[in-house]
Amino acid sequence: MPPSSQPAPSKAKAKRSFLIDQATLCLAQKGYAHVSLRDIAKASGVSLGILHYYFASKEDLLLAVIEGYKDSFIQELETTVVNAPPQRWLEQLLEVLHHSLTEKKALHRLWYDLQVQAMYVPAFRHHVNEIRARLHDLIARIVRQLFPPATHSMSMSVDGAVSLIYAQVDGLFLQSMLEEATTPENAWSRFEQTLPQLLHMMFIPITTTTPIPTKRGAF
């Protein structure tokens, strides 16, 4: 596209966001392996050349989709969980996770798709590891804030606790999505009960000032 015909920055940003939204719909419905840039261009009502102007490849477009979602997901966790009153942090956390698992399930499915692709596409690996590192850092902040040594004893190191929490949340998310088609009423219930149980085993209150809240029926 000649310099004189390049879109203004604001219009270019809006167009890029529109294309990411359309790509999200296509990728969420069919998965990364079954969608081409031509499919996305057709769904967006633009030419393949226009789509290539904004995104060099399908890989670039997928990364834009996933990174945008993870940015909003991490920001939501920071806003609602890190800043939540001590007695409500678990309730807030479960609300955010439930919303992600239900209202944004398709986008989270794409996150798993990207992680699988990262095993075979080196270009994806750095981005996947970067997003995972951000999530690990956020969990570590929550752990240090909510379970300080003055009020809780830990059954393992902070790094070990963060890795275990991440692994369980991530694994339960995947399990819930896989089981939802056959047992939707049980998928989230298992998630809601198991996470508090893990936290209860990992962080043992020394005092009763900041006890780990539990969901009804969790223990």
Protein backbone atom coordinates (compact mmCIF):
# COMPACT_ATOMS: atom_id res chain seq x y z
CA MET A 1 0.00 0.00 0.00
CA PRO A 2 1.59 3.33 -1.07
CA PRO A 3 2.37 5.76 1.77
CA SER A 4 -0.30 8.20 0.54
CA SER A 5 -2.99 5.53 0.85
CA GLN A 6 -2.04 4.25 4.28
CA PRO A 7 -4.86 4.58 6.81
CA ALA A 8 -4.64 7.14 9.59
CA PRO A 9 -3.33 5.70 12.89
CA SER A 10 -6.74 5.81 14.60
CA LYS A 11 -8.49 4.20 11.64
CA ALA A 12 -5.74 1.62 11.30
CA LYS A 13 -6.06 0.72 14.99
CA ALA A 14 -9.84 0.39 14.69
CA LYS A 15 -9.51 -1.73 11.56
CA ARG A 16 -6.93 -3.97 13.22
CA SER A 17 -9.20 -4.45 16.23
CA PHE A 18 -12.10 -5.31 13.93
CA LEU A 19 -10.02 -7.91 12.10
CA ILE A 20 -8.90 -9.43 15.41
CA ASP A 21 -12.53 -9.68 16.51
CA GLN A 22 -13.52 -11.40 13.27
CA ALA A 23 -10.53 -13.73 13.48
CA THR A 24 -11.49 -14.59 17.04
CA LEU A 25 -14.94 -15.71 15.90
CA CYS A 26 -13.52 -17.85 13.10
CA LEU A 27 -10.75 -19.42 15.17
CA ALA A 28 -13.04 -20.05 18.13
CA GLN A 29 -15.57 -21.84 15.97
CA LYS A 30 -13.21 -24.03 13.94
CA GLY A 31 -9.80 -24.05 15.64
CA TYR A 32 -6.43 -22.86 14.40
CA ALA A 33 -5.74 -25.82 12.11
CA HIS A 34 -9.01 -25.48 10.19
CA VAL A 35 -9.02 -21.74 9.48
CA SER A 36 -7.03 -19.95 6.78
CA LEU A 37 -6.35 -16.26 6.33
CA ARG A 38 -8.62 -16.42 3.30
CA ASP A 39 -11.44 -17.67 5.53
CA ILE A 40 -10.86 -14.82 7.96
CA ALA A 41 -10.67 -12.24 5.17
CA LYS A 42 -13.97 -13.50 3.73
CA ALA A 43 -15.67 -13.40 7.13
CA SER A 44 -14.33 -9.88 7.68
CA GLY A 45 -15.47 -8.60 4.31
CA VAL A 46 -11.98 -7.53 3.24
CA SER A 47 -9.54 -8.71 0.62
CA LEU A 48 -6.72 -11.08 1.46
CA GLY A 49 -4.29 -8.27 0.61
CA ILE A 50 -5.85 -5.98 3.22
CA LEU A 51 -5.63 -8.71 5.85
CA HIS A 52 -1.97 -9.28 4.97
CA TYR A 53 -1.33 -5.56 5.36
CA TYR A 54 -2.27 -5.79 9.03
CA PHE A 55 -1.01 -9.30 9.76
CA ALA A 56 1.92 -10.93 8.02
CA SER A 57 0.66 -14.46 8.71
CA LYS A 58 -2.02 -16.49 10.42
CA GLU A 59 0.44 -17.02 13.26
CA ASP A 60 0.68 -13.25 13.84
CA LEU A 61 -3.10 -12.98 13.88
CA LEU A 62 -3.54 -15.83 16.36
CA LEU A 63 -0.98 -14.28 18.70
CA ALA A 64 -2.84 -10.96 18.55
CA VAL A 65 -6.09 -12.72 19.43
CA ILE A 66 -4.65 -14.66 22.36
CA GLU A 67 -2.53 -11.84 23.77
CA GLY A 68 -5.50 -9.49 23.71
CA TYR A 69 -7.60 -11.99 25.66
CA LYS A 70 -4.87 -12.77 28.17
CA ASP A 71 -4.23 -9.06 28.74
CA SER A 72 -7.89 -8.54 29.66
CA PHE A 73 -7.99 -11.76 31.72
CA ILE A 74 -4.92 -10.81 33.76
CA GLN A 75 -6.20 -7.26 34.22
CA GLU A 76 -9.53 -8.63 35.47
CA LEU A 77 -7.74 -10.87 37.97
CA GLU A 78 -5.66 -7.97 39.22
CA THR A 79 -8.68 -5.69 39.58
CA THR A 80 -11.10 -8.11 41.21
CA VAL A 81 -8.85 -10.52 43.14
CA VAL A 82 -5.71 -8.67 44.18
CA ASN A 83 -7.78 -5.68 45.31
CA ALA A 84 -10.59 -7.72 46.88
CA PRO A 85 -11.27 -7.65 50.65
CA PRO A 86 -9.46 -10.58 52.37
CA GLN A 87 -12.72 -12.35 53.18
CA ARG A 88 -13.95 -12.20 49.59
CA TRP A 89 -10.87 -12.93 47.48
CA LEU A 90 -11.73 -16.60 46.83
CA GLU A 91 -15.30 -15.76 45.90
CA GLN A 92 -14.02 -13.08 43.51
CA LEU A 93 -11.45 -15.44 42.03
CA LEU A 94 -14.05 -18.11 41.35
CA GLU A 95 -16.34 -15.53 39.75
CA VAL A 96 -13.60 -14.45 37.34
CA LEU A 97 -12.69 -18.03 36.48
CA HIS A 98 -16.33 -19.02 36.02
CA HIS A 99 -16.90 -16.06 33.69
CA SER A 100 -13.84 -17.02 31.67
CA LEU A 101 -14.91 -20.65 31.51
CA THR A 102 -18.45 -19.87 30.39
CA GLU A 103 -18.71 -16.50 28.67
CA LYS A 104 -15.19 -16.60 27.18
CA LYS A 105 -14.82 -20.34 26.78
CA ALA A 106 -14.07 -20.14 23.06
CA LEU A 107 -11.17 -17.77 23.66
CA HIS A 108 -9.77 -19.94 26.42
CA ARG A 109 -10.00 -22.92 24.08
CA LEU A 110 -7.82 -20.96 21.66
CA TRP A 111 -5.28 -20.47 24.47
CA TYR A 112 -4.97 -24.24 24.77
CA ASP A 113 -4.74 -24.45 20.99
CA LEU A 114 -1.84 -21.99 21.02
CA GLN A 115 -0.04 -23.96 23.74
CA VAL A 116 -0.30 -27.14 21.70
CA GLN A 117 0.93 -25.34 18.57
CA ALA A 118 3.88 -23.99 20.59
CA MET A 119 5.20 -27.54 20.92
CA TYR A 120 5.74 -27.58 17.16
CA VAL A 121 6.07 -23.91 16.15
CA PRO A 122 9.08 -22.19 17.77
CA ALA A 123 7.62 -18.76 16.97
CA PHE A 124 4.75 -19.47 19.37
CA ARG A 125 6.90 -20.80 22.20
CA HIS A 126 8.26 -17.44 23.35
CA HIS A 127 4.79 -15.88 23.46
CA VAL A 128 3.29 -18.83 25.33
CA ASN A 129 6.08 -18.78 27.90
CA GLU A 130 5.74 -15.02 28.30
CA ILE A 131 2.00 -15.25 29.01
CA ARG A 132 2.51 -18.15 31.40
CA ALA A 133 5.21 -16.18 33.23
CA ARG A 134 2.81 -13.25 33.66
CA LEU A 135 0.18 -15.59 35.12
CA HIS A 136 2.75 -17.16 37.45
CA ASP A 137 3.84 -13.70 38.63
CA LEU A 138 0.24 -12.73 39.32
CA ILE A 139 -0.40 -15.89 41.34
CA ALA A 140 2.79 -15.25 43.33
CA ARG A 141 1.58 -11.73 44.17
CA ILE A 142 -1.76 -13.12 45.35
CA VAL A 143 -0.07 -15.81 47.46
CA ARG A 144 2.30 -13.36 49.15
CA GLN A 145 -0.50 -10.89 49.81
CA LEU A 146 -3.11 -13.33 51.12
CA PHE A 147 -0.95 -15.92 52.86
CA PRO A 148 1.91 -14.04 54.57
CA PRO A 149 4.20 -16.03 56.90
CA ALA A 150 2.83 -14.10 59.89
CA THR A 151 -0.60 -15.67 59.52
CA HIS A 152 -0.05 -18.89 57.55
CA SER A 153 2.45 -21.70 57.42
CA MET A 154 3.12 -23.15 53.98
CA SER A 155 3.63 -26.78 53.15
CA MET A 156 6.06 -25.81 50.36
CA SER A 157 8.00 -22.88 48.90
CA VAL A 158 6.20 -19.97 47.25
CA ASP A 159 7.53 -21.04 43.84
CA GLY A 160 6.29 -24.57 44.43
CA ALA A 161 2.89 -23.30 45.58
CA VAL A 162 2.55 -21.04 42.53
CA SER A 163 3.42 -23.87 40.14
CA LEU A 164 0.94 -26.21 41.80
CA ILE A 165 -1.88 -23.63 41.84
CA TYR A 166 -1.30 -22.78 38.20
CA ALA A 167 -1.18 -26.44 37.22
CA GLN A 168 -4.42 -27.22 39.03
CA VAL A 169 -6.36 -24.23 37.72
CA ASP A 170 -5.12 -24.84 34.19
CA GLY A 171 -5.82 -28.58 34.41
CA LEU A 172 -9.29 -28.08 35.88
CA PHE A 173 -10.11 -25.55 33.17
CA LEU A 174 -9.17 -28.06 30.50
CA GLN A 175 -11.04 -30.86 32.24
CA SER A 176 -14.15 -28.71 32.64
CA MET A 177 -14.17 -27.77 28.96
CA LEU A 178 -13.70 -31.38 27.86
CA GLU A 179 -16.46 -32.63 30.15
CA GLU A 180 -18.95 -29.83 29.63
CA ALA A 181 -20.58 -31.43 26.59
CA THR A 182 -21.52 -34.56 28.55
CA THR A 183 -21.69 -33.42 32.18
CA PRO A 184 -22.09 -29.62 32.25
CA GLU A 185 -23.64 -29.67 35.71
CA ASN A 186 -20.62 -31.46 37.19
CA ALA A 187 -17.74 -29.73 35.38
CA TRP A 188 -17.81 -26.41 37.19
CA SER A 189 -18.96 -27.95 40.48
CA ARG A 190 -15.81 -30.07 40.60
CA PHE A 191 -13.67 -27.04 39.83
CA GLU A 192 -15.40 -24.92 42.49
CA GLN A 193 -14.86 -27.53 45.18
CA THR A 194 -11.36 -28.75 44.35
CA LEU A 195 -9.52 -25.40 44.24
CA PRO A 196 -10.45 -24.41 47.83
CA GLN A 197 -9.47 -27.89 49.01
CA LEU A 198 -6.01 -27.53 47.50
CA LEU A 199 -5.51 -24.08 49.03
CA HIS A 200 -6.66 -25.36 52.42
CA MET A 201 -3.99 -28.08 52.32
CA MET A 202 -1.22 -25.76 51.12
CA PHE A 203 -1.76 -22.78 53.43
CA ILE A 204 -2.40 -23.56 57.09
CA PRO A 205 -3.68 -20.62 59.17
CA ILE A 206 -1.57 -19.81 62.23
CA THR A 207 -4.22 -17.37 63.45
CA THR A 208 -7.84 -16.80 62.56
CA THR A 209 -7.27 -13.32 61.19
CA THR A 210 -7.29 -14.30 57.51
CA PRO A 211 -8.79 -17.78 57.21
CA ILE A 212 -9.16 -19.30 53.79
CA PRO A 213 -12.81 -18.87 52.80
CA THR A 214 -14.62 -21.91 51.47
CA LYS A 215 -17.48 -22.35 49.09
CA ARG A 216 -20.59 -24.08 50.34
CA GLY A 217 -20.04 -27.81 50.31
CA ALA A 218 -16.34 -27.50 49.54
CA PHE A 219 -15.15 -29.56 52.54
